[in-house]
Protein backbone atom coordinates (compact mmCIF):
# COMPACT_ATOMS: atom_id res chain seq x y z
CA MET A 1 -25.86 13.42 14.02
CA GLU A 2 -23.00 11.61 15.12
CA LEU A 3 -24.43 8.25 13.78
CA VAL A 4 -24.93 10.29 10.40
CA LEU A 5 -21.09 11.13 10.58
CA VAL A 6 -20.17 7.77 11.24
CA VAL A 7 -21.71 6.52 8.02
CA VAL A 8 -20.24 9.50 6.14
CA VAL A 9 -16.96 8.46 7.46
CA VAL A 10 -17.15 4.86 6.62
CA ALA A 11 -18.04 5.74 3.26
CA PHE A 12 -15.22 7.76 2.59
CA ALA A 13 -12.93 4.95 4.36
CA LEU A 14 -14.28 2.78 1.68
CA ALA A 15 -13.72 5.30 -1.12
CA PHE A 16 -9.93 5.49 0.20
CA ASP A 17 -9.93 1.68 0.08
CA TYR A 18 -11.09 1.82 -3.82
CA THR A 19 -8.77 4.48 -4.54
CA ASN A 20 -6.01 2.29 -2.89
CA GLY A 21 -6.89 -0.65 -5.18
CA PHE A 22 -6.70 0.91 -8.33
CA HIS A 23 -3.71 3.28 -7.22
CA ASP A 24 -1.97 0.08 -6.04
CA ALA A 25 -3.00 -2.40 -8.65
CA ALA A 26 0.26 -2.26 -10.33
CA ASN A 27 2.31 -3.12 -7.32
CA ALA A 28 0.75 -6.91 -7.86
CA ILE A 29 0.80 -7.06 -11.72
CA ALA A 30 2.74 -4.33 -13.51
CA THR A 31 5.64 -7.03 -13.80
CA SER A 32 3.46 -9.83 -15.19
CA VAL A 33 1.76 -7.84 -17.56
CA SER A 34 5.06 -6.07 -18.76
CA THR A 35 6.71 -9.62 -19.51
CA ARG A 36 3.63 -10.96 -21.12
CA ALA A 37 3.16 -13.65 -18.50
CA LEU A 38 -0.62 -12.35 -18.18
CA THR A 39 -2.77 -10.43 -20.12
CA PRO A 40 -3.93 -7.26 -18.47
CA ARG A 41 -7.35 -8.14 -17.89
CA ALA A 42 -6.44 -11.70 -16.38
CA ALA A 43 -3.80 -10.28 -14.27
CA LEU A 44 -6.30 -7.79 -12.96
CA ILE A 45 -8.68 -10.63 -12.11
CA MET A 46 -6.58 -12.33 -10.60
CA ALA A 47 -5.04 -9.53 -8.67
CA ALA A 48 -8.52 -8.51 -7.34
CA GLY A 49 -9.51 -12.07 -6.49
CA PHE A 50 -6.19 -12.58 -4.10
CA ASN A 51 -6.77 -8.96 -2.93
CA LEU A 52 -9.90 -10.36 -1.18
CA VAL A 53 -8.35 -13.31 0.05
CA GLY A 54 -5.25 -11.72 1.64
CA ALA A 55 -7.57 -8.94 3.23
CA MET A 56 -9.19 -11.65 5.51
CA LEU A 57 -6.24 -13.17 6.77
CA GLY A 58 -5.13 -11.27 9.55
CA THR A 59 -5.62 -8.01 11.39
CA GLU A 60 -2.47 -6.97 12.98
CA VAL A 61 -1.60 -4.25 10.66
CA ALA A 62 -5.28 -2.86 11.22
CA GLU A 63 -4.76 -2.71 14.99
CA THR A 64 -1.65 -0.72 14.57
CA ILE A 65 -3.63 1.97 12.36
CA GLY A 66 -6.50 1.66 14.64
CA SER A 67 -5.09 2.52 17.74
CA GLY A 68 -1.35 3.23 17.49
CA ILE A 69 -1.13 5.97 15.39
CA ILE A 70 -3.08 8.43 17.50
CA ASP A 71 -5.66 8.11 20.33
CA ILE A 72 -9.13 9.10 19.25
CA THR A 73 -10.65 9.03 22.75
CA GLU A 74 -8.55 11.84 23.69
CA ALA A 75 -10.60 14.07 21.49
CA ARG A 76 -12.88 16.82 23.10
CA SER A 77 -15.92 15.49 21.97
CA THR A 78 -17.38 12.43 19.83
CA HIS A 79 -18.13 14.86 16.98
CA LEU A 80 -14.50 16.57 16.97
CA GLY A 81 -13.25 12.98 16.83
CA LEU A 82 -15.25 11.90 13.94
CA VAL A 83 -14.34 15.08 11.86
CA MET A 84 -10.62 14.08 12.61
CA VAL A 85 -11.14 10.82 11.21
CA LEU A 86 -13.02 11.90 8.19
CA SER A 87 -9.93 14.65 7.57
CA ALA A 88 -7.30 11.93 7.56
CA VAL A 89 -9.12 9.86 4.99
CA VAL A 90 -10.01 12.87 2.89
CA GLY A 91 -6.29 13.72 3.17
CA ALA A 92 -5.08 10.26 1.97
CA ILE A 93 -7.39 10.09 -0.95
CA VAL A 94 -6.44 13.41 -2.15
CA TRP A 95 -2.67 12.64 -2.36
CA ASN A 96 -3.44 9.15 -3.58
CA LEU A 97 -5.46 11.02 -6.80
CA ILE A 98 -2.65 13.57 -6.98
CA THR A 99 0.35 10.73 -7.51
CA TRP A 100 -2.21 8.52 -9.72
CA TRP A 101 -2.75 11.66 -11.83
CA PHE A 102 1.03 12.07 -12.23
CA GLY A 103 1.57 8.25 -12.79
CA MET A 104 3.82 8.15 -9.72
CA PRO A 105 3.70 4.99 -7.60
CA SER A 106 3.72 6.58 -3.91
CA SER A 107 2.43 4.72 -0.99
CA SER A 108 -0.83 4.71 -0.05
CA SER A 109 -0.31 3.29 3.49
CA HIS A 110 1.99 6.23 4.07
CA ALA A 111 -0.56 8.61 2.91
CA LEU A 112 -2.84 7.31 5.40
CA ILE A 113 -0.54 7.74 8.28
CA GLY A 114 0.80 10.71 7.29
CA ALA A 115 -2.95 12.26 7.21
CA LEU A 116 -3.58 10.53 10.56
CA THR A 117 -0.37 12.40 12.16
CA GLY A 118 -1.59 15.58 10.44
CA VAL A 119 -4.91 15.56 12.05
CA GLY A 120 -3.49 14.63 15.35
CA LEU A 121 -1.05 17.58 15.23
CA ALA A 122 -3.84 20.20 13.78
CA SER A 123 -6.32 18.92 16.67
CA GLY A 124 -3.73 18.99 19.47
CA ILE A 125 -4.17 15.29 20.72
CA GLN A 126 -1.44 13.05 21.34
CA VAL A 127 0.56 11.27 18.41
CA HIS A 128 2.31 8.23 18.96
CA TRP A 129 6.03 9.22 17.70
CA GLU A 130 7.10 5.87 19.16
CA VAL A 131 4.87 3.79 16.96
CA ILE A 132 5.49 5.84 13.80
CA LEU A 133 9.21 5.47 14.64
CA ASP A 134 8.95 1.82 15.03
CA LYS A 135 6.30 0.48 13.01
CA VAL A 136 6.77 3.37 10.06
CA VAL A 137 9.95 5.10 9.66
CA ILE A 138 12.41 2.27 10.48
CA PRO A 139 10.50 -0.02 8.11
CA MET A 140 9.96 2.56 5.46
CA VAL A 141 13.71 2.89 5.44
CA VAL A 142 14.55 -0.75 5.74
CA SER A 143 12.10 -2.69 3.57
CA PRO A 144 13.29 -1.25 0.10
CA VAL A 145 16.76 -1.67 1.29
CA VAL A 146 16.07 -5.31 2.17
CA GLY A 147 13.87 -5.58 -1.00
CA PHE A 148 16.41 -4.49 -3.55
CA THR A 149 19.33 -6.31 -1.69
CA LEU A 150 17.37 -9.96 -1.31
CA ALA A 151 16.27 -9.52 -5.20
CA PHE A 152 19.87 -8.73 -6.56
CA VAL A 153 21.17 -11.50 -4.58
CA LEU A 154 18.49 -14.15 -5.74
CA MET A 155 18.66 -13.20 -9.03
CA VAL A 156 22.38 -13.45 -9.06
CA ALA A 157 21.98 -16.97 -7.84
CA LEU A 158 19.29 -17.93 -10.51
CA LEU A 159 21.66 -16.56 -13.36
CA TRP A 160 24.39 -18.76 -12.09
CA MET A 161 22.01 -21.74 -11.97
CA PHE A 162 20.45 -21.36 -15.28
CA ARG A 163 24.01 -20.35 -17.01
CA ARG A 164 23.86 -23.03 -19.45
CA ALA A 165 20.30 -23.74 -19.98
CA ASN A 166 18.41 -22.96 -23.05
CA PRO A 167 17.22 -19.40 -22.76
CA HIS A 168 13.98 -19.69 -24.47
CA LYS A 169 12.65 -22.80 -22.43
CA VAL A 170 13.89 -20.56 -19.18
CA THR A 171 11.77 -17.55 -20.14
CA ARG A 172 8.87 -19.85 -21.02
CA ARG A 173 9.16 -21.53 -17.65
CA PHE A 174 9.40 -18.39 -15.72
CA ARG A 175 6.64 -16.78 -17.57
CA ILE A 176 4.56 -19.70 -16.01
CA ALA A 177 5.95 -19.32 -12.38
CA GLN A 178 5.23 -15.52 -12.58
CA THR A 179 1.45 -16.33 -12.41
CA ALA A 180 2.29 -17.92 -9.07
CA SER A 181 4.63 -14.82 -7.86
CA ALA A 182 2.28 -12.30 -8.98
CA ALA A 183 -0.90 -14.08 -7.11
CA ALA A 184 1.60 -13.95 -4.07
CA MET A 185 2.11 -10.33 -4.26
CA ALA A 186 -1.65 -9.72 -4.75
CA LEU A 187 -2.12 -11.59 -1.62
CA GLY A 188 0.44 -9.46 0.35
CA HIS A 189 -1.25 -6.55 -0.79
CA GLY A 190 -4.36 -7.33 0.35
CA LEU A 191 -2.92 -8.43 3.71
CA GLN A 192 -1.38 -5.05 4.23
CA ASP A 193 -3.46 -2.36 2.37
CA ALA A 194 -6.98 -3.59 3.14
CA GLN A 195 -6.17 -4.03 6.73
CA LYS A 196 -5.22 -0.06 6.82
CA THR A 197 -8.75 0.61 5.70
CA MET A 198 -10.40 -2.03 8.66
CA GLY A 199 -8.06 0.42 11.31
CA VAL A 200 -9.81 3.42 10.03
CA ILE A 201 -13.50 2.48 10.09
CA VAL A 202 -12.62 1.05 13.52
CA LEU A 203 -11.16 4.47 14.56
CA ALA A 204 -14.18 5.87 13.27
CA LEU A 205 -16.90 3.47 15.28
CA VAL A 206 -14.68 4.04 18.39
CA ALA A 207 -15.09 7.85 17.85
CA GLY A 208 -18.55 7.80 17.33
CA GLY A 209 -19.14 5.65 20.31
CA VAL A 210 -20.49 2.85 18.28
CA GLN A 211 -18.16 0.48 19.74
CA THR A 212 -15.41 0.63 22.70
CA SER A 213 -12.86 -1.82 21.58
CA HIS A 214 -10.65 -2.01 18.88
CA GLU A 215 -12.08 -5.30 17.59
CA ILE A 216 -12.20 -5.69 13.82
CA PRO A 217 -16.18 -6.66 13.12
CA LEU A 218 -16.48 -8.80 10.12
CA TRP A 219 -18.77 -6.56 8.43
CA VAL A 220 -15.68 -4.03 8.31
CA LYS A 221 -13.27 -6.81 7.29
CA LEU A 222 -15.87 -7.84 4.36
CA SER A 223 -16.46 -4.43 3.22
CA ALA A 224 -12.74 -3.30 3.23
CA ALA A 225 -11.61 -6.35 1.28
CA GLY A 226 -14.55 -6.01 -1.13
CA ALA A 227 -13.82 -2.15 -1.82
CA ILE A 228 -9.99 -2.99 -2.47
CA SER A 229 -10.84 -5.67 -4.80
CA LEU A 230 -13.29 -3.57 -6.79
CA GLY A 231 -10.46 -0.59 -7.08
CA THR A 232 -7.71 -3.60 -8.01
CA TYR A 233 -10.17 -4.54 -10.94
CA SER A 234 -10.59 -1.02 -12.07
CA GLY A 235 -6.93 -0.77 -12.70
CA GLY A 236 -4.31 1.30 -12.44
CA TRP A 237 -2.77 1.96 -15.84
CA ARG A 238 -0.69 5.04 -15.43
CA ILE A 239 1.31 3.69 -12.77
CA MET A 240 1.45 0.18 -14.26
CA ARG A 241 3.21 1.88 -17.17
CA THR A 242 5.77 3.33 -14.72
CA LEU A 243 6.71 0.32 -12.63
CA GLY A 244 6.52 -2.19 -15.80
CA ARG A 245 8.43 -0.57 -18.07
CA ARG A 246 9.99 2.83 -17.14
CA VAL A 247 12.01 1.58 -14.33
CA ILE A 248 13.56 -1.25 -16.23
CA GLU A 249 12.68 -3.52 -19.15
CA LEU A 250 11.65 -6.67 -17.28
CA ASP A 251 12.09 -10.26 -18.72
CA PRO A 252 10.31 -12.96 -16.85
CA ALA A 253 13.03 -14.54 -14.52
CA ARG A 254 13.39 -11.01 -13.21
CA GLY A 255 9.76 -10.22 -12.73
CA PHE A 256 9.22 -13.45 -10.78
CA VAL A 257 12.26 -12.80 -8.61
CA ALA A 258 11.02 -9.28 -7.96
CA GLU A 259 7.37 -10.44 -7.07
CA SER A 260 8.77 -13.24 -5.06
CA VAL A 261 11.02 -11.23 -2.74
CA ALA A 262 8.16 -8.36 -2.57
CA ALA A 263 5.65 -10.86 -1.31
CA SER A 264 7.98 -12.54 1.03
CA VAL A 265 8.73 -8.91 2.62
CA LEU A 266 4.97 -7.96 2.64
CA TYR A 267 4.28 -11.35 4.69
CA THR A 268 7.12 -10.86 7.24
CA THR A 269 6.35 -7.37 8.06
CA ALA A 270 2.52 -8.10 8.62
CA PHE A 271 2.59 -11.03 10.58
CA VAL A 272 5.99 -10.79 12.40
CA PHE A 273 6.13 -6.98 13.08
CA HIS A 274 2.79 -5.81 12.76
CA ALA A 275 4.16 -3.00 10.63
CA PRO A 276 2.17 -1.19 8.02
CA ILE A 277 4.84 -1.03 4.98
CA SER A 278 4.66 0.26 1.61
CA THR A 279 3.75 -2.31 -1.06
CA THR A 280 4.73 0.34 -3.46
CA GLN A 281 8.36 0.70 -1.88
CA THR A 282 8.61 -3.22 -1.69
CA ILE A 283 8.15 -4.01 -5.34
CA THR A 284 9.82 -0.86 -6.72
CA SER A 285 12.95 -1.35 -4.66
CA ALA A 286 12.75 -5.44 -5.89
CA ILE A 287 12.14 -4.45 -9.55
CA MET A 288 15.59 -2.31 -9.71
CA GLY A 289 17.54 -4.80 -7.37
CA VAL A 290 16.72 -7.32 -10.57
CA GLY A 291 17.34 -4.73 -12.81
CA ALA A 292 20.83 -3.98 -11.43
CA THR A 293 21.83 -7.31 -12.20
CA LYS A 294 21.95 -6.43 -15.76
CA ARG A 295 24.09 -3.56 -15.27
CA LEU A 296 23.62 -0.72 -13.15
CA SER A 297 22.79 1.57 -16.14
CA ALA A 298 19.76 -0.82 -17.11
CA VAL A 299 17.87 0.98 -14.18
CA ARG A 300 16.48 4.36 -15.55
CA TRP A 301 17.87 5.94 -12.16
CA GLY A 302 16.20 9.27 -13.03
CA VAL A 303 12.90 7.69 -13.11
CA ALA A 304 13.86 5.68 -9.59
CA GLY A 305 14.86 9.10 -8.17
CA ASN A 306 11.45 10.66 -8.78
CA ILE A 307 9.70 7.94 -7.35
CA ALA A 308 11.78 8.24 -4.13
CA VAL A 309 10.85 12.03 -4.27
CA ALA A 310 7.29 10.59 -4.10
CA TRP A 311 8.04 8.62 -1.47
CA VAL A 312 9.81 11.09 1.06
CA LEU A 313 7.10 13.66 0.00
CA THR A 314 4.25 11.37 0.94
CA ILE A 315 3.95 11.54 4.77
CA PRO A 316 4.36 15.18 4.89
CA ALA A 317 2.12 16.21 2.04
CA ALA A 318 -0.61 13.86 3.38
CA ALA A 319 -0.19 15.24 6.73
CA ALA A 320 -0.54 18.86 5.62
CA VAL A 321 -3.62 18.17 3.27
CA ALA A 322 -5.25 16.43 6.06
CA ALA A 323 -4.67 19.13 8.66
CA VAL A 324 -6.28 21.58 6.47
CA MET A 325 -8.90 19.39 5.71
CA PHE A 326 -9.53 19.38 9.52
CA TRP A 327 -9.55 23.08 10.10
CA ALA A 328 -11.82 23.46 7.46
CA LEU A 329 -14.40 20.88 8.33
CA ALA A 330 -14.03 21.90 12.24
CA ALA A 331 -14.84 25.21 11.13
CA ILE A 332 -17.90 24.26 9.05
CA ILE A 333 -19.47 21.23 10.92
CA GLY A 334 -17.35 21.08 13.94
């Protein structure tokens, strides 16, 4: 029975990875598509490919998810531990689908972290609040501020550097440069988000007694990378419209700066701090930063406010959904 439940949990984890891909595809390509640097189909193919590569570049974030949020070995039984992981994954999937339906670019990362926290509280096992504070809450607050500030400063510097240049030539060159910045963003998305699914699958393997360590097997890396790439290729048009056009009308130079800054923040947090930050928050704040260099009123702050509400709600909402799922599944199959 436990082995069957392990297979079910892994399947749902990969389904979450797939929803993460189409939910967050806009993170990597919305700016490039909105500025016509890339066609939608070419952008999706490129993003899927670089998501795949990025997912294979490290395991630091996966280890934070797999052992840092809750200790699954504290579960009263192997069966209950697997029910906990399954409940967390389902809770994250449900929140992803809700926000995708309404076109809101919320964080799949924070949905998963909130869901793990929710099942930890519902089951009574220890939640590592110090890890959540250091690796989740602080980066959740700091990364958008850094993204906004860096994007604003870099955009001001570029405007000054190219103040006497031919506008048409500048636009054409930055449209070409956006191909590279969009690829860098897609690589960072794979590096961050696919690793979170790897961590959940390892949680299931440890809970089911399939392995004792939190080491990431190669098949887990490959399957998580494949699932997020396939999801990315499926596209996320609703959210793409929000990021690419509703927050601000972007030009190629601003799109290039937003993507470059967001990608650099993703790499730094993954390789240096091992923190699972939100790609959604990072690129959205960078877009608002470059937009503010036109004038403050150029950013549609009402839309930005709605996005911020989704950010704030994600962790507690996903935690609540996952807790309810845990109580229901524990009653049915526990």
